[in-house]
Amino acid sequence: MRAVWYDRQGAANDVLMTGELPTPEPGPGQVRVRLEASGVNPSDTYRRRGAVPAEYPRVIPNSDGAGVIDKVGEGVPAERVGERVWLYNGQRNGRWMGTAAEYVALDANLVTALPDHVSFAAGATLGIPAMTAHGCVFAAGPVQGLRVLVTGGAGAVGHYAVQLAAWAGAEVIATVSSVAKAERARAGGAAHVINYRTEDVAARIAAITGGALVDHVVDVDLGGNLAATLASVRENGSIAYYATAGAVRPAVDLRALMMRNLTLRGFVLPTSPVAHRRRAQRDIAAFVGNPHRILSVAAEFPLYETAAAHIAVESGGKAGTVVVACAR
């Protein structure tokens, strides 16, 4: 099969190679997917650069993808052959074989049916972004009837968080950094949008809610947003965060959190409980069953330009997920 890989960590143009590797065979409990598209996430670029030590001498990058099951291993129903699917956790801890290739073999429970109305490129945007959004939106339980603040509500994860929270019956407030991103957040279901570059987020939250504040926060940068986030959530509320680039080790007044009975939870997909991930897959399958969902492909590159796709992700400013087309 054609594939992209690296034998050492470093800059995309320096370490990523394209060529032929043996086509994998599915083991017991696994399926093989003929990949049509591979999603590139920031975490994929961190691993390639060396933020996470390499476990294997060779790595095919990228976690997410979409395609068609063409072979199944022992214990997997044969009728799954031919199924259109999206998948996640291709290249992650304990796995060297990611989705920047024509085929991938992985556990059947990491693969979810993809409706016919969803393109493979759009399906490749689900994985980490949608699963992370789900884990954070529902970190403290159901959100129906609650107010949920999503910071960075136009980003790859944030936009799915806006859509999933609205789908689940929450009143969603999103923060953004531009007029165009405000329109994107509203299109996803945000009832209120705050431009954090020009407005006082905590003051706007207080005004929108009549001083009641929000019940739950999904935060793209807890360290960077800490003061505004803590000022925006009510007593007995909750915060789930999936990144903290603005300050990895912020000063936190733990007594103040304790006195307000706040629940603070970090989220990373690969080590989240399996039962929670399976629930997320079921919910996302139901969510994308509606053909009007917004599954955003920020840009698309051919397989041999995977390095350019990684660089596009590292450059930032994208709306949605950068995708690599895997099929010949």
C-alpha atoms as a PDB file:
ATOM      1  CA  MET A   1       0.000   0.000   0.000  1.00  0.00           C
ATOM      2  CA  ARG A   2       1.029   3.629  -0.385  1.00  0.00           C
ATOM      3  CA  ALA A   3       1.730   5.240   2.966  1.00  0.00           C
ATOM      4  CA  VAL A   4       3.420   8.174   4.682  1.00  0.00           C
ATOM      5  CA  TRP A   5       5.691   7.573   7.665  1.00  0.00           C
ATOM      6  CA  TYR A   6       8.543   8.899   9.760  1.00  0.00           C
ATOM      7  CA  ASP A   7      11.510   7.048  11.260  1.00  0.00           C
ATOM      8  CA  ARG A   8      12.548   9.987  13.440  1.00  0.00           C
ATOM      9  CA  GLN A   9      10.726  12.937  14.941  1.00  0.00           C
ATOM     10  CA  GLY A  10      11.079  16.474  13.679  1.00  0.00           C
ATOM     11  CA  ALA A  11       9.757  19.050  11.213  1.00  0.00           C
ATOM     12  CA  ALA A  12       7.231  17.741   8.693  1.00  0.00           C
ATOM     13  CA  ASN A  13       9.308  18.463   5.596  1.00  0.00           C
ATOM     14  CA  ASP A  14      12.373  16.874   7.207  1.00  0.00           C
ATOM     15  CA  VAL A  15      10.976  13.579   8.480  1.00  0.00           C
ATOM     16  CA  LEU A  16       7.826  12.572   6.563  1.00  0.00           C
ATOM     17  CA  MET A  17       8.408  10.091   3.740  1.00  0.00           C
ATOM     18  CA  THR A  18       6.048   8.627   1.134  1.00  0.00           C
ATOM     19  CA  GLY A  19       6.391   5.152  -0.348  1.00  0.00           C
ATOM     20  CA  GLU A  20       5.175   1.574  -0.200  1.00  0.00           C
ATOM     21  CA  LEU A  21       4.662  -0.498   2.961  1.00  0.00           C
ATOM     22  CA  PRO A  22       3.102  -3.940   3.452  1.00  0.00           C
ATOM     23  CA  THR A  23      -0.702  -3.830   3.491  1.00  0.00           C
ATOM     24  CA  PRO A  24      -1.875  -4.765   7.012  1.00  0.00           C
ATOM     25  CA  GLU A  25      -4.030  -7.780   7.798  1.00  0.00           C
ATOM     26  CA  PRO A  26      -6.770  -7.562  10.443  1.00  0.00           C
ATOM     27  CA  GLY A  27      -6.155  -9.582  13.607  1.00  0.00           C
ATOM     28  CA  PRO A  28      -8.810 -11.087  15.903  1.00  0.00           C
ATOM     29  CA  GLY A  29     -11.471  -8.526  16.713  1.00  0.00           C
ATOM     30  CA  GLN A  30     -10.133  -6.141  14.075  1.00  0.00           C
ATOM     31  CA  VAL A  31     -11.274  -4.767  10.736  1.00  0.00           C
ATOM     32  CA  ARG A  32      -9.234  -3.481   7.833  1.00  0.00           C
ATOM     33  CA  VAL A  33     -10.392  -0.199   6.351  1.00  0.00           C
ATOM     34  CA  ARG A  34      -9.578   0.903   2.825  1.00  0.00           C
ATOM     35  CA  LEU A  35      -9.042   4.548   3.644  1.00  0.00           C
ATOM     36  CA  GLU A  36     -10.462   7.358   1.568  1.00  0.00           C
ATOM     37  CA  ALA A  37      -9.533  10.217   3.896  1.00  0.00           C
ATOM     38  CA  SER A  38      -7.306  10.907   6.901  1.00  0.00           C
ATOM     39  CA  GLY A  39      -7.944  13.718   9.385  1.00  0.00           C
ATOM     40  CA  VAL A  40      -4.943  15.687  10.682  1.00  0.00           C
ATOM     41  CA  ASN A  41      -5.238  17.033  14.232  1.00  0.00           C
ATOM     42  CA  PRO A  42      -2.853  19.221  16.251  1.00  0.00           C
ATOM     43  CA  SER A  43      -1.995  16.210  18.436  1.00  0.00           C
ATOM     44  CA  ASP A  44      -0.773  14.351  15.339  1.00  0.00           C
ATOM     45  CA  THR A  45       1.700  17.150  14.634  1.00  0.00           C
ATOM     46  CA  TYR A  46       2.835  17.250  18.290  1.00  0.00           C
ATOM     47  CA  ARG A  47       3.658  13.548  18.148  1.00  0.00           C
ATOM     48  CA  ARG A  48       5.565  13.925  14.905  1.00  0.00           C
ATOM     49  CA  ARG A  49       7.546  16.876  16.263  1.00  0.00           C
ATOM     50  CA  GLY A  50       8.537  14.961  19.410  1.00  0.00           C
ATOM     51  CA  ALA A  51       6.248  16.323  22.142  1.00  0.00           C
ATOM     52  CA  VAL A  52       5.465  12.682  22.884  1.00  0.00           C
ATOM     53  CA  PRO A  53       8.418  10.237  22.718  1.00  0.00           C
ATOM     54  CA  ALA A  54       8.096   7.780  19.845  1.00  0.00           C
ATOM     55  CA  GLU A  55       7.211   4.243  20.954  1.00  0.00           C
ATOM     56  CA  TYR A  56       8.199   2.643  17.646  1.00  0.00           C
ATOM     57  CA  PRO A  57      11.075   3.004  15.177  1.00  0.00           C
ATOM     58  CA  ARG A  58       8.555   3.734  12.401  1.00  0.00           C
ATOM     59  CA  VAL A  59       5.242   5.596  12.653  1.00  0.00           C
ATOM     60  CA  ILE A  60       2.458   6.192  10.136  1.00  0.00           C
ATOM     61  CA  PRO A  61       0.915   9.426  11.484  1.00  0.00           C
ATOM     62  CA  ASN A  62      -2.667  10.590  12.059  1.00  0.00           C
ATOM     63  CA  SER A  63      -5.395   9.239  14.287  1.00  0.00           C
ATOM     64  CA  ASP A  64      -8.619   9.828  12.377  1.00  0.00           C
ATOM     65  CA  GLY A  65      -9.984   8.644   9.067  1.00  0.00           C
ATOM     66  CA  ALA A  66     -12.880   7.395   6.977  1.00  0.00           C
ATOM     67  CA  GLY A  67     -13.272   4.713   4.343  1.00  0.00           C
ATOM     68  CA  VAL A  68     -14.759   1.288   3.680  1.00  0.00           C
ATOM     69  CA  ILE A  69     -14.204  -1.965   5.589  1.00  0.00           C
ATOM     70  CA  ASP A  70     -12.741  -4.421   3.088  1.00  0.00           C
ATOM     71  CA  LYS A  71     -11.717  -7.292   5.393  1.00  0.00           C
ATOM     72  CA  VAL A  72     -12.504  -8.491   8.919  1.00  0.00           C
ATOM     73  CA  GLY A  73     -10.597 -10.559  11.447  1.00  0.00           C
ATOM     74  CA  GLU A  74     -11.739 -13.467  13.550  1.00  0.00           C
ATOM     75  CA  GLY A  75     -14.759 -12.651  15.705  1.00  0.00           C
ATOM     76  CA  VAL A  76     -16.019  -9.755  13.573  1.00  0.00           C
ATOM     77  CA  PRO A  77     -19.239 -10.312  11.579  1.00  0.00           C
ATOM     78  CA  ALA A  78     -18.491 -10.827   7.876  1.00  0.00           C
ATOM     79  CA  GLU A  79     -21.409  -8.559   6.967  1.00  0.00           C
ATOM     80  CA  ARG A  80     -19.364  -5.564   8.066  1.00  0.00           C
ATOM     81  CA  VAL A  81     -17.346  -5.882   4.839  1.00  0.00           C
ATOM     82  CA  GLY A  82     -18.404  -3.037   2.557  1.00  0.00           C
ATOM     83  CA  GLU A  83     -19.540  -0.786   5.422  1.00  0.00           C
ATOM     84  CA  ARG A  84     -18.732   2.932   5.121  1.00  0.00           C
ATOM     85  CA  VAL A  85     -17.082   4.005   8.375  1.00  0.00           C
ATOM     86  CA  TRP A  86     -15.286   6.725  10.308  1.00  0.00           C
ATOM     87  CA  LEU A  87     -12.615   5.857  12.860  1.00  0.00           C
ATOM     88  CA  TYR A  88     -10.358   7.268  15.564  1.00  0.00           C
ATOM     89  CA  ASN A  89      -7.208   6.345  17.539  1.00  0.00           C
ATOM     90  CA  GLY A  90      -5.388   5.031  14.484  1.00  0.00           C
ATOM     91  CA  GLN A  91      -1.910   6.133  15.573  1.00  0.00           C
ATOM     92  CA  ARG A  92      -1.912   6.514  19.338  1.00  0.00           C
ATOM     93  CA  ASN A  93      -0.300   4.966  22.411  1.00  0.00           C
ATOM     94  CA  GLY A  94       0.399   1.318  21.656  1.00  0.00           C
ATOM     95  CA  ARG A  95      -0.186   1.692  17.895  1.00  0.00           C
ATOM     96  CA  TRP A  96       2.301   2.743  15.230  1.00  0.00           C
ATOM     97  CA  MET A  97      -0.013   2.459  12.226  1.00  0.00           C
ATOM     98  CA  GLY A  98      -2.079   5.589  11.618  1.00  0.00           C
ATOM     99  CA  THR A  99      -4.315   6.743   8.786  1.00  0.00           C
ATOM    100  CA  ALA A 100      -1.877   8.476   6.426  1.00  0.00           C
ATOM    101  CA  ALA A 101      -2.040   5.385   4.213  1.00  0.00           C
ATOM    102  CA  GLU A 102      -4.322   3.479   1.878  1.00  0.00           C
ATOM    103  CA  TYR A 103      -5.247   0.904   4.548  1.00  0.00           C
ATOM    104  CA  VAL A 104      -5.369   0.600   8.311  1.00  0.00           C
ATOM    105  CA  ALA A 105      -6.201  -2.386  10.534  1.00  0.00           C
ATOM    106  CA  LEU A 106      -7.566  -1.651  13.994  1.00  0.00           C
ATOM    107  CA  ASP A 107     -10.018  -2.832  16.645  1.00  0.00           C
ATOM    108  CA  ALA A 108     -13.575  -3.003  15.373  1.00  0.00           C
ATOM    109  CA  ASN A 109     -14.840  -0.960  18.339  1.00  0.00           C
ATOM    110  CA  LEU A 110     -12.878   2.070  17.089  1.00  0.00           C
ATOM    111  CA  VAL A 111     -14.849   2.061  13.832  1.00  0.00           C
ATOM    112  CA  THR A 112     -18.361   3.532  13.442  1.00  0.00           C
ATOM    113  CA  ALA A 113     -20.801   3.422  10.525  1.00  0.00           C
ATOM    114  CA  LEU A 114     -20.813   6.549   8.331  1.00  0.00           C
ATOM    115  CA  PRO A 115     -24.121   7.576   6.700  1.00  0.00           C
ATOM    116  CA  ASP A 116     -24.220   7.692   2.913  1.00  0.00           C
ATOM    117  CA  HIS A 117     -24.929  11.435   2.917  1.00  0.00           C
ATOM    118  CA  VAL A 118     -21.630  12.188   4.716  1.00  0.00           C
ATOM    119  CA  SER A 119     -18.561  12.377   2.470  1.00  0.00           C
ATOM    120  CA  PHE A 120     -15.433  10.494   3.458  1.00  0.00           C
ATOM    121  CA  ALA A 121     -13.574  13.803   3.850  1.00  0.00           C
ATOM    122  CA  ALA A 122     -16.262  15.058   6.243  1.00  0.00           C
ATOM    123  CA  GLY A 123     -16.246  11.712   8.068  1.00  0.00           C
ATOM    124  CA  ALA A 124     -12.514  12.090   8.681  1.00  0.00           C
ATOM    125  CA  THR A 125     -13.225  15.258  10.703  1.00  0.00           C
ATOM    126  CA  LEU A 126     -15.216  13.366  13.363  1.00  0.00           C
ATOM    127  CA  GLY A 127     -12.681  11.282  15.339  1.00  0.00           C
ATOM    128  CA  ILE A 128     -10.706  13.363  17.825  1.00  0.00           C
ATOM    129  CA  PRO A 129     -12.642  16.648  17.338  1.00  0.00           C
ATOM    130  CA  ALA A 130     -16.166  15.270  17.765  1.00  0.00           C
ATOM    131  CA  MET A 131     -15.219  12.647  20.362  1.00  0.00           C
ATOM    132  CA  THR A 132     -13.351  15.262  22.433  1.00  0.00           C
ATOM    133  CA  ALA A 133     -16.257  17.684  22.123  1.00  0.00           C
ATOM    134  CA  HIS A 134     -18.658  14.998  23.312  1.00  0.00           C
ATOM    135  CA  GLY A 135     -16.449  14.058  26.263  1.00  0.00           C
ATOM    136  CA  CYS A 136     -16.271  17.675  27.399  1.00  0.00           C
ATOM    137  CA  VAL A 137     -19.892  18.660  26.762  1.00  0.00           C
ATOM    138  CA  PHE A 138     -21.219  15.721  28.790  1.00  0.00           C
ATOM    139  CA  ALA A 139     -18.411  15.549  31.365  1.00  0.00           C
ATOM    140  CA  ALA A 140     -20.783  16.431  34.200  1.00  0.00           C
ATOM    141  CA  GLY A 141     -23.874  14.693  32.818  1.00  0.00           C
ATOM    142  CA  PRO A 142     -26.828  15.680  30.586  1.00  0.00           C
ATOM    143  CA  VAL A 143     -27.010  19.327  29.517  1.00  0.00           C
ATOM    144  CA  GLN A 144     -30.659  19.576  28.518  1.00  0.00           C
ATOM    145  CA  GLY A 145     -32.064  22.825  29.865  1.00  0.00           C
ATOM    146  CA  LEU A 146     -28.647  24.043  31.048  1.00  0.00           C
ATOM    147  CA  ARG A 147     -26.510  26.972  29.955  1.00  0.00           C
ATOM    148  CA  VAL A 148     -23.227  25.845  28.416  1.00  0.00           C
ATOM    149  CA  LEU A 149     -20.317  28.131  27.585  1.00  0.00           C
ATOM    150  CA  VAL A 150     -18.024  26.925  24.791  1.00  0.00           C
ATOM    151  CA  THR A 151     -14.793  28.887  24.444  1.00  0.00           C
ATOM    152  CA  GLY A 152     -13.357  28.885  20.936  1.00  0.00           C
ATOM    153  CA  GLY A 153     -16.758  27.976  19.526  1.00  0.00           C
ATOM    154  CA  ALA A 154     -15.627  28.110  15.882  1.00  0.00           C
ATOM    155  CA  GLY A 155     -12.655  25.742  16.218  1.00  0.00           C
ATOM    156  CA  ALA A 156     -12.513  22.097  15.193  1.00  0.00           C
ATOM    157  CA  VAL A 157     -13.447  20.801  18.672  1.00  0.00           C
ATOM    158  CA  GLY A 158     -15.342  23.891  19.791  1.00  0.00           C
ATOM    159  CA  HIS A 159     -17.700  23.903  16.818  1.00  0.00           C
ATOM    160  CA  TYR A 160     -18.633  20.276  17.442  1.00  0.00           C
ATOM    161  CA  ALA A 161     -19.118  21.162  21.120  1.00  0.00           C
ATOM    162  CA  VAL A 162     -21.507  23.969  20.158  1.00  0.00           C
ATOM    163  CA  GLN A 163     -23.468  21.656  17.871  1.00  0.00           C
ATOM    164  CA  LEU A 164     -23.606  18.716  20.288  1.00  0.00           C
ATOM    165  CA  ALA A 165     -24.642  20.885  23.239  1.00  0.00           C
ATOM    166  CA  ALA A 166     -27.373  22.559  21.206  1.00  0.00           C
ATOM    167  CA  TRP A 167     -28.483  19.156  19.864  1.00  0.00           C
ATOM    168  CA  ALA A 168     -28.755  17.926  23.456  1.00  0.00           C
ATOM    169  CA  GLY A 169     -31.001  20.815  24.484  1.00  0.00           C
ATOM    170  CA  ALA A 170     -28.592  23.302  26.057  1.00  0.00           C
ATOM    171  CA  GLU A 171     -28.614  27.067  25.674  1.00  0.00           C
ATOM    172  CA  VAL A 172     -25.163  27.609  24.188  1.00  0.00           C
ATOM    173  CA  ILE A 173     -22.964  30.664  24.597  1.00  0.00           C
ATOM    174  CA  ALA A 174     -19.790  30.668  22.481  1.00  0.00           C
ATOM    175  CA  THR A 175     -16.695  32.843  22.492  1.00  0.00           C
ATOM    176  CA  VAL A 176     -14.962  33.648  19.198  1.00  0.00           C
ATOM    177  CA  SER A 177     -12.318  36.014  17.851  1.00  0.00           C
ATOM    178  CA  SER A 178     -13.885  37.449  14.674  1.00  0.00           C
ATOM    179  CA  VAL A 179     -17.129  38.290  12.886  1.00  0.00           C
ATOM    180  CA  ALA A 180     -16.712  35.322  10.533  1.00  0.00           C
ATOM    181  CA  LYS A 181     -16.201  32.953  13.467  1.00  0.00           C
ATOM    182  CA  ALA A 182     -19.247  34.430  15.198  1.00  0.00           C
ATOM    183  CA  GLU A 183     -21.352  33.529  12.153  1.00  0.00           C
ATOM    184  CA  ARG A 184     -19.921  30.011  12.198  1.00  0.00           C
ATOM    185  CA  ALA A 185     -20.757  29.544  15.896  1.00  0.00           C
ATOM    186  CA  ARG A 186     -24.309  30.796  15.364  1.00  0.00           C
ATOM    187  CA  ALA A 187     -24.738  28.453  12.404  1.00  0.00           C
ATOM    188  CA  GLY A 188     -23.759  25.612  14.736  1.00  0.00           C
ATOM    189  CA  GLY A 189     -26.487  26.502  17.213  1.00  0.00           C
ATOM    190  CA  ALA A 190     -24.977  29.080  19.589  1.00  0.00           C
ATOM    191  CA  ALA A 191     -27.745  31.262  21.013  1.00  0.00           C
ATOM    192  CA  HIS A 192     -25.259  33.958  22.059  1.00  0.00           C
ATOM    193  CA  VAL A 193     -21.791  34.800  20.759  1.00  0.00           C
ATOM    194  CA  ILE A 194     -19.094  36.868  22.498  1.00  0.00           C
ATOM    195  CA  ASN A 195     -15.997  38.252  20.773  1.00  0.00           C
ATOM    196  CA  TYR A 196     -13.345  37.758  23.442  1.00  0.00           C
ATOM    197  CA  ARG A 197     -10.971  40.163  21.693  1.00  0.00           C
ATOM    198  CA  THR A 198     -13.323  43.129  21.984  1.00  0.00           C
ATOM    199  CA  GLU A 199     -15.709  42.244  24.844  1.00  0.00           C
ATOM    200  CA  ASP A 200     -15.422  41.415  28.537  1.00  0.00           C
ATOM    201  CA  VAL A 201     -16.451  37.756  28.525  1.00  0.00           C
ATOM    202  CA  ALA A 202     -17.447  37.519  32.208  1.00  0.00           C
ATOM    203  CA  ALA A 203     -19.456  40.761  32.050  1.00  0.00           C
ATOM    204  CA  ARG A 204     -21.286  39.611  28.918  1.00  0.00           C
ATOM    205  CA  ILE A 205     -22.042  36.238  30.497  1.00  0.00           C
ATOM    206  CA  ALA A 206     -23.506  37.972  33.524  1.00  0.00           C
ATOM    207  CA  ALA A 207     -25.624  40.210  31.298  1.00  0.00           C
ATOM    208  CA  ILE A 208     -26.868  37.364  29.101  1.00  0.00           C
ATOM    209  CA  THR A 209     -27.813  35.179  32.078  1.00  0.00           C
ATOM    210  CA  GLY A 210     -29.178  37.907  34.338  1.00  0.00           C
ATOM    211  CA  GLY A 211     -26.380  37.202  36.792  1.00  0.00           C
ATOM    212  CA  ALA A 212     -27.116  33.478  37.042  1.00  0.00           C
ATOM    213  CA  LEU A 213     -23.954  32.586  35.050  1.00  0.00           C
ATOM    214  CA  VAL A 214     -23.473  29.280  33.192  1.00  0.00           C
ATOM    215  CA  ASP A 215     -23.872  25.731  34.437  1.00  0.00           C
ATOM    216  CA  HIS A 216     -21.016  24.174  32.483  1.00  0.00           C
ATOM    217  CA  VAL A 217     -17.991  25.313  30.485  1.00  0.00           C
ATOM    218  CA  VAL A 218     -16.154  23.570  27.648  1.00  0.00           C
ATOM    219  CA  ASP A 219     -12.763  25.307  27.512  1.00  0.00           C
ATOM    220  CA  VAL A 220     -10.210  25.280  24.713  1.00  0.00           C
ATOM    221  CA  ASP A 221      -7.530  26.999  26.852  1.00  0.00           C
ATOM    222  CA  LEU A 222      -8.204  26.840  30.561  1.00  0.00           C
ATOM    223  CA  GLY A 223      -4.870  28.339  31.548  1.00  0.00           C
ATOM    224  CA  GLY A 224      -5.285  31.284  29.204  1.00  0.00           C
ATOM    225  CA  ASN A 225      -8.965  31.797  29.985  1.00  0.00           C
ATOM    226  CA  LEU A 226      -8.850  30.995  33.699  1.00  0.00           C
ATOM    227  CA  ALA A 227     -10.024  34.302  35.179  1.00  0.00           C
ATOM    228  CA  ALA A 228     -12.901  34.764  32.715  1.00  0.00           C
ATOM    229  CA  THR A 229     -13.963  31.121  32.924  1.00  0.00           C
ATOM    230  CA  LEU A 230     -14.068  31.044  36.724  1.00  0.00           C
ATOM    231  CA  ALA A 231     -16.009  34.304  36.745  1.00  0.00           C
ATOM    232  CA  SER A 232     -18.559  32.900  34.275  1.00  0.00           C
ATOM    233  CA  VAL A 233     -19.563  29.638  35.978  1.00  0.00           C
ATOM    234  CA  ARG A 234     -22.129  29.451  38.770  1.00  0.00           C
ATOM    235  CA  GLU A 235     -21.740  27.808  42.171  1.00  0.00           C
ATOM    236  CA  ASN A 236     -21.941  24.004  41.879  1.00  0.00           C
ATOM    237  CA  GLY A 237     -21.111  24.361  38.186  1.00  0.00           C
ATOM    238  CA  SER A 238     -18.522  22.460  36.187  1.00  0.00           C
ATOM    239  CA  ILE A 239     -15.649  23.033  33.773  1.00  0.00           C
ATOM    240  CA  ALA A 240     -14.194  20.564  31.274  1.00  0.00           C
ATOM    241  CA  TYR A 241     -11.041  21.517  29.387  1.00  0.00           C
ATOM    242  CA  TYR A 242      -9.142  19.811  26.587  1.00  0.00           C
ATOM    243  CA  ALA A 243      -6.192  22.188  26.200  1.00  0.00           C
ATOM    244  CA  THR A 244      -4.341  24.810  28.211  1.00  0.00           C
ATOM    245  CA  ALA A 245      -1.804  26.375  25.856  1.00  0.00           C
ATOM    246  CA  GLY A 246      -2.068  29.841  27.412  1.00  0.00           C
ATOM    247  CA  ALA A 247      -0.655  28.614  30.730  1.00  0.00           C
ATOM    248  CA  VAL A 248       0.308  25.010  31.371  1.00  0.00           C
ATOM    249  CA  ARG A 249       0.828  25.659  35.097  1.00  0.00           C
ATOM    250  CA  PRO A 250      -1.552  28.488  36.039  1.00  0.00           C
ATOM    251  CA  ALA A 251      -1.949  29.677  39.599  1.00  0.00           C
ATOM    252  CA  VAL A 252      -5.297  28.320  40.806  1.00  0.00           C
ATOM    253  CA  ASP A 253      -6.999  29.338  44.031  1.00  0.00           C
ATOM    254  CA  LEU A 254      -8.123  25.863  45.047  1.00  0.00           C
ATOM    255  CA  ARG A 255      -9.905  27.108  48.140  1.00  0.00           C
ATOM    256  CA  ALA A 256     -12.017  29.447  46.000  1.00  0.00           C
ATOM    257  CA  LEU A 257     -12.967  26.526  43.762  1.00  0.00           C
ATOM    258  CA  MET A 258     -13.782  24.447  46.813  1.00  0.00           C
ATOM    259  CA  MET A 259     -15.953  27.129  48.406  1.00  0.00           C
ATOM    260  CA  ARG A 260     -18.011  27.354  45.197  1.00  0.00           C
ATOM    261  CA  ASN A 261     -18.263  23.546  44.823  1.00  0.00           C
ATOM    262  CA  LEU A 262     -16.855  23.730  41.288  1.00  0.00           C
ATOM    263  CA  THR A 263     -15.997  20.559  39.406  1.00  0.00           C
ATOM    264  CA  LEU A 264     -12.904  20.833  37.198  1.00  0.00           C
ATOM    265  CA  ARG A 265     -12.078  18.046  34.782  1.00  0.00           C
ATOM    266  CA  GLY A 266      -9.424  17.664  32.109  1.00  0.00           C
ATOM    267  CA  PHE A 267     -10.097  15.500  29.076  1.00  0.00           C
ATOM    268  CA  VAL A 268      -7.914  13.528  26.685  1.00  0.00           C
ATOM    269  CA  LEU A 269      -9.528  11.016  24.350  1.00  0.00           C
ATOM    270  CA  PRO A 270      -7.183   7.993  24.216  1.00  0.00           C
ATOM    271  CA  THR A 271      -7.277   7.350  27.981  1.00  0.00           C
ATOM    272  CA  SER A 272     -10.921   8.239  28.577  1.00  0.00           C
ATOM    273  CA  PRO A 273     -13.117   5.345  29.788  1.00  0.00           C
ATOM    274  CA  VAL A 274     -14.073   2.889  27.052  1.00  0.00           C
ATOM    275  CA  ALA A 275     -17.742   2.984  28.040  1.00  0.00           C
ATOM    276  CA  HIS A 276     -17.768   6.765  27.637  1.00  0.00           C
ATOM    277  CA  ARG A 277     -16.129   6.521  24.225  1.00  0.00           C
ATOM    278  CA  ARG A 278     -18.662   3.981  23.024  1.00  0.00           C
ATOM    279  CA  ARG A 279     -21.483   6.216  24.187  1.00  0.00           C
ATOM    280  CA  ALA A 280     -19.859   9.079  22.283  1.00  0.00           C
ATOM    281  CA  GLN A 281     -19.698   6.978  19.116  1.00  0.00           C
ATOM    282  CA  ARG A 282     -23.384   6.119  19.438  1.00  0.00           C
ATOM    283  CA  ASP A 283     -24.366   9.734  20.070  1.00  0.00           C
ATOM    284  CA  ILE A 284     -22.228  11.050  17.212  1.00  0.00           C
ATOM    285  CA  ALA A 285     -23.737   8.431  14.884  1.00  0.00           C
ATOM    286  CA  ALA A 286     -27.203   9.707  15.823  1.00  0.00           C
ATOM    287  CA  PHE A 287     -26.066  13.328  15.518  1.00  0.00           C
ATOM    288  CA  VAL A 288     -24.672  12.946  11.982  1.00  0.00           C
ATOM    289  CA  GLY A 289     -27.775  11.068  10.911  1.00  0.00           C
ATOM    290  CA  ASN A 290     -29.219  14.537  10.285  1.00  0.00           C
ATOM    291  CA  PRO A 291     -27.853  15.696   6.898  1.00  0.00           C
ATOM    292  CA  HIS A 292     -27.819  19.345   8.012  1.00  0.00           C
ATOM    293  CA  ARG A 293     -24.934  18.992  10.478  1.00  0.00           C
ATOM    294  CA  ILE A 294     -21.842  21.110   9.819  1.00  0.00           C
ATOM    295  CA  LEU A 295     -18.806  18.808   9.373  1.00  0.00           C
ATOM    296  CA  SER A 296     -16.071  21.171   8.305  1.00  0.00           C
ATOM    297  CA  VAL A 297     -13.136  20.277   6.045  1.00  0.00           C
ATOM    298  CA  ALA A 298     -10.690  23.168   6.354  1.00  0.00           C
ATOM    299  CA  ALA A 299      -8.459  22.024   3.477  1.00  0.00           C
ATOM    300  CA  GLU A 300      -7.692  18.833   1.563  1.00  0.00           C
ATOM    301  CA  PHE A 301      -4.303  17.534   0.402  1.00  0.00           C
ATOM    302  CA  PRO A 302      -3.273  14.421  -1.544  1.00  0.00           C
ATOM    303  CA  LEU A 303      -1.484  11.690   0.391  1.00  0.00           C
ATOM    304  CA  TYR A 304       1.931  12.608  -0.982  1.00  0.00           C
ATOM    305  CA  GLU A 305       1.462  16.127   0.428  1.00  0.00           C
ATOM    306  CA  THR A 306       0.846  14.978   4.011  1.00  0.00           C
ATOM    307  CA  ALA A 307       3.754  17.181   5.125  1.00  0.00           C
ATOM    308  CA  ALA A 308       1.941  20.219   3.705  1.00  0.00           C
ATOM    309  CA  ALA A 309      -1.218  19.134   5.548  1.00  0.00           C
ATOM    310  CA  HIS A 310       0.710  18.958   8.843  1.00  0.00           C
ATOM    311  CA  ILE A 311       2.207  22.393   8.208  1.00  0.00           C
ATOM    312  CA  ALA A 312      -1.267  23.798   7.488  1.00  0.00           C
ATOM    313  CA  VAL A 313      -2.453  22.521  10.882  1.00  0.00           C
ATOM    314  CA  GLU A 314       0.595  23.978  12.628  1.00  0.00           C
ATOM    315  CA  SER A 315      -0.013  27.353  10.963  1.00  0.00           C
ATOM    316  CA  GLY A 316      -3.336  27.718  12.785  1.00  0.00           C
ATOM    317  CA  GLY A 317      -6.281  29.892  11.852  1.00  0.00           C
ATOM    318  CA  LYS A 318      -8.197  27.070  10.147  1.00  0.00           C
ATOM    319  CA  ALA A 319     -11.943  26.521  10.441  1.00  0.00           C
ATOM    320  CA  GLY A 320     -12.443  22.788  10.719  1.00  0.00           C
ATOM    321  CA  THR A 321     -10.110  19.854  10.107  1.00  0.00           C
ATOM    322  CA  VAL A 322      -7.356  19.495   7.510  1.00  0.00           C
ATOM    323  CA  VAL A 323      -7.840  16.269   5.565  1.00  0.00           C
ATOM    324  CA  VAL A 324      -5.562  14.048   3.482  1.00  0.00           C
ATOM    325  CA  ALA A 325      -7.094  12.125   0.549  1.00  0.00           C
ATOM    326  CA  CYS A 326      -5.774   8.550   0.786  1.00  0.00           C
ATOM    327  CA  ALA A 327      -7.248   6.787  -2.271  1.00  0.00           C
ATOM    328  CA  ARG A 328      -5.304   6.558  -5.524  1.00  0.00           C
END
